[in-house]
C-alpha atoms as a PDB file:
ATOM      1  CA  MET A   1      -0.112  -0.069  -0.120  1.00  0.00           C
ATOM      2  CA  MET A   2       1.157   3.312  -1.073  1.00  0.00           C
ATOM      3  CA  ASP A   3       1.586   6.242   1.699  1.00  0.00           C
ATOM      4  CA  ALA A   4      -1.070   8.376   1.520  1.00  0.00           C
ATOM      5  CA  ALA A   5      -0.389  11.968   0.198  1.00  0.00           C
ATOM      6  CA  ILE A   6      -0.609  15.347   2.015  1.00  0.00           C
ATOM      7  CA  THR A   7      -2.220  18.475  -0.082  1.00  0.00           C
ATOM      8  CA  THR A   8      -2.229  21.654   0.957  1.00  0.00           C
ATOM      9  CA  VAL A   9      -4.728  24.217  -0.204  1.00  0.00           C
ATOM     10  CA  SER A  10      -5.574  27.782   0.538  1.00  0.00           C
ATOM     11  CA  SER A  11      -9.260  28.208   2.280  1.00  0.00           C
ATOM     12  CA  THR A  12     -10.536  29.875  -0.786  1.00  0.00           C
ATOM     13  CA  GLU A  13      -9.196  27.209  -3.144  1.00  0.00           C
ATOM     14  CA  MET A  14     -10.767  24.696  -0.681  1.00  0.00           C
ATOM     15  CA  GLN A  15     -14.450  26.480  -0.716  1.00  0.00           C
ATOM     16  CA  ASN A  16     -14.395  26.791  -4.608  1.00  0.00           C
ATOM     17  CA  ASN A  17     -13.176  23.078  -5.174  1.00  0.00           C
ATOM     18  CA  PHE A  18     -14.490  21.434  -2.371  1.00  0.00           C
ATOM     19  CA  GLY A  19     -15.951  18.113  -4.272  1.00  0.00           C
ATOM     20  CA  ARG A  20     -12.286  17.878  -5.736  1.00  0.00           C
ATOM     21  CA  TYR A  21     -10.754  17.810  -2.099  1.00  0.00           C
ATOM     22  CA  LEU A  22     -13.253  15.633  -0.867  1.00  0.00           C
ATOM     23  CA  SER A  23     -12.302  12.872  -3.428  1.00  0.00           C
ATOM     24  CA  LEU A  24      -8.743  13.034  -2.269  1.00  0.00           C
ATOM     25  CA  VAL A  25     -10.043  12.763   1.198  1.00  0.00           C
ATOM     26  CA  GLN A  26     -12.292   9.772   0.403  1.00  0.00           C
ATOM     27  CA  GLY A  27      -9.071   8.041  -1.632  1.00  0.00           C
ATOM     28  CA  GLY A  28      -7.102   8.227   1.543  1.00  0.00           C
ATOM     29  CA  ASN A  29      -5.365  11.397   1.147  1.00  0.00           C
ATOM     30  CA  GLU A  30      -5.066  14.315   3.940  1.00  0.00           C
ATOM     31  CA  VAL A  31      -5.884  17.746   2.872  1.00  0.00           C
ATOM     32  CA  VAL A  32      -4.314  20.603   4.980  1.00  0.00           C
ATOM     33  CA  VAL A  33      -6.168  23.879   4.608  1.00  0.00           C
ATOM     34  CA  THR A  34      -4.664  27.253   5.067  1.00  0.00           C
ATOM     35  CA  ARG A  35      -5.688  30.986   5.622  1.00  0.00           C
ATOM     36  CA  ASN A  36      -3.136  33.395   5.078  1.00  0.00           C
ATOM     37  CA  GLY A  37      -0.358  30.920   5.018  1.00  0.00           C
ATOM     38  CA  LYS A  38      -1.062  29.399   8.375  1.00  0.00           C
ATOM     39  CA  GLU A  39      -2.716  25.775   8.814  1.00  0.00           C
ATOM     40  CA  ILE A  40      -6.093  26.376  10.164  1.00  0.00           C
ATOM     41  CA  GLY A  41      -7.396  22.630   9.706  1.00  0.00           C
ATOM     42  CA  ARG A  42      -7.225  19.212   8.358  1.00  0.00           C
ATOM     43  CA  PHE A  43      -9.157  16.646   6.371  1.00  0.00           C
ATOM     44  CA  VAL A  44      -8.231  13.531   6.964  1.00  0.00           C
ATOM     45  CA  PRO A  45      -9.543   9.953   6.032  1.00  0.00           C
ATOM     46  CA  ARG A  46     -11.986   8.473   9.095  1.00  0.00           C
ATOM     47  CA  ALA A  47      -9.575   5.364   9.467  1.00  0.00           C
ATOM     48  CA  ALA A  48      -6.278   7.767   9.985  1.00  0.00           C
ATOM     49  CA  ALA A  49      -8.642  10.181  12.392  1.00  0.00           C
ATOM     50  CA  VAL A  50      -9.000   6.977  14.681  1.00  0.00           C
ATOM     51  CA  SER A  51      -5.769   6.187  14.376  1.00  0.00           C
ATOM     52  CA  TYR A  52      -4.454   9.758  15.468  1.00  0.00           C
ATOM     53  CA  LEU A  53      -7.097   9.434  18.497  1.00  0.00           C
ATOM     54  CA  THR A  54      -6.074   5.921  19.567  1.00  0.00           C
ATOM     55  CA  ASP A  55      -2.286   7.077  19.276  1.00  0.00           C
ATOM     56  CA  SER A  56      -2.678  10.268  21.383  1.00  0.00           C
ATOM     57  CA  LEU A  57      -4.410   7.887  24.011  1.00  0.00           C
ATOM     58  CA  THR A  58      -1.393   5.470  24.368  1.00  0.00           C
ATOM     59  CA  GLY A  59      -0.034   5.702  27.721  1.00  0.00           C
ATOM     60  CA  ILE A  60      -2.552   7.563  29.328  1.00  0.00           C
ATOM     61  CA  LEU A  61      -4.856   4.989  29.984  1.00  0.00           C
ATOM     62  CA  LYS A  62      -3.361   2.209  32.070  1.00  0.00           C
ATOM     63  CA  THR A  63      -4.286  -1.141  30.770  1.00  0.00           C
ATOM     64  CA  ASP A  64      -4.534  -2.774  34.125  1.00  0.00           C
ATOM     65  CA  HIS A  65      -7.413  -1.213  35.397  1.00  0.00           C
ATOM     66  CA  ASP A  66     -10.860  -2.714  35.515  1.00  0.00           C
ATOM     67  CA  ILE A  67     -13.391   0.056  34.001  1.00  0.00           C
ATOM     68  CA  ASP A  68     -16.394  -1.368  36.382  1.00  0.00           C
ATOM     69  CA  ASN A  69     -14.257  -1.524  39.653  1.00  0.00           C
ATOM     70  CA  VAL A  70     -12.920   2.050  38.846  1.00  0.00           C
ATOM     71  CA  ARG A  71     -16.379   3.415  38.364  1.00  0.00           C
ATOM     72  CA  GLU A  72     -17.551   2.012  41.403  1.00  0.00           C
ATOM     73  CA  GLU A  73     -14.715   2.981  43.645  1.00  0.00           C
ATOM     74  CA  LYS A  74     -15.286   6.482  42.066  1.00  0.00           C
ATOM     75  CA  LEU A  75     -18.822   6.540  42.883  1.00  0.00           C
ATOM     76  CA  ARG A  76     -18.189   5.268  46.448  1.00  0.00           C
ATOM     77  CA  GLU A  77     -15.675   8.244  47.060  1.00  0.00           C
ATOM     78  CA  LYS A  78     -18.338  10.461  45.745  1.00  0.00           C
ATOM     79  CA  TYR A  79     -21.410   9.477  47.805  1.00  0.00           C
ATOM     80  CA  GLU A  80     -19.890   7.900  50.602  1.00  0.00           C
ATOM     81  CA  VAL A  81     -22.018   8.324  53.574  1.00  0.00           C
ATOM     82  CA  THR A  82     -19.901   9.094  56.907  1.00  0.00           C
ATOM     83  CA  ASP A  83     -21.420   8.550  60.224  1.00  0.00           C
END
């Protein structure tokens, strides 16, 4: 599989030719949108967006926690009744 291309376009170009750039994204490419020469956003294929999200969470969430136990513990701490 070939690496996805990254295309950089101005916001005006994106607005005037949205269909063309949408097709690029559907084809697996990334489109960077600029305004006044500064990046303001990116259009990425859905699979890449999910990958970015999971990569950004790596190391934040510990895999040795049971989510149900953590939830119960947090609820107990929050609503614990003291005598």
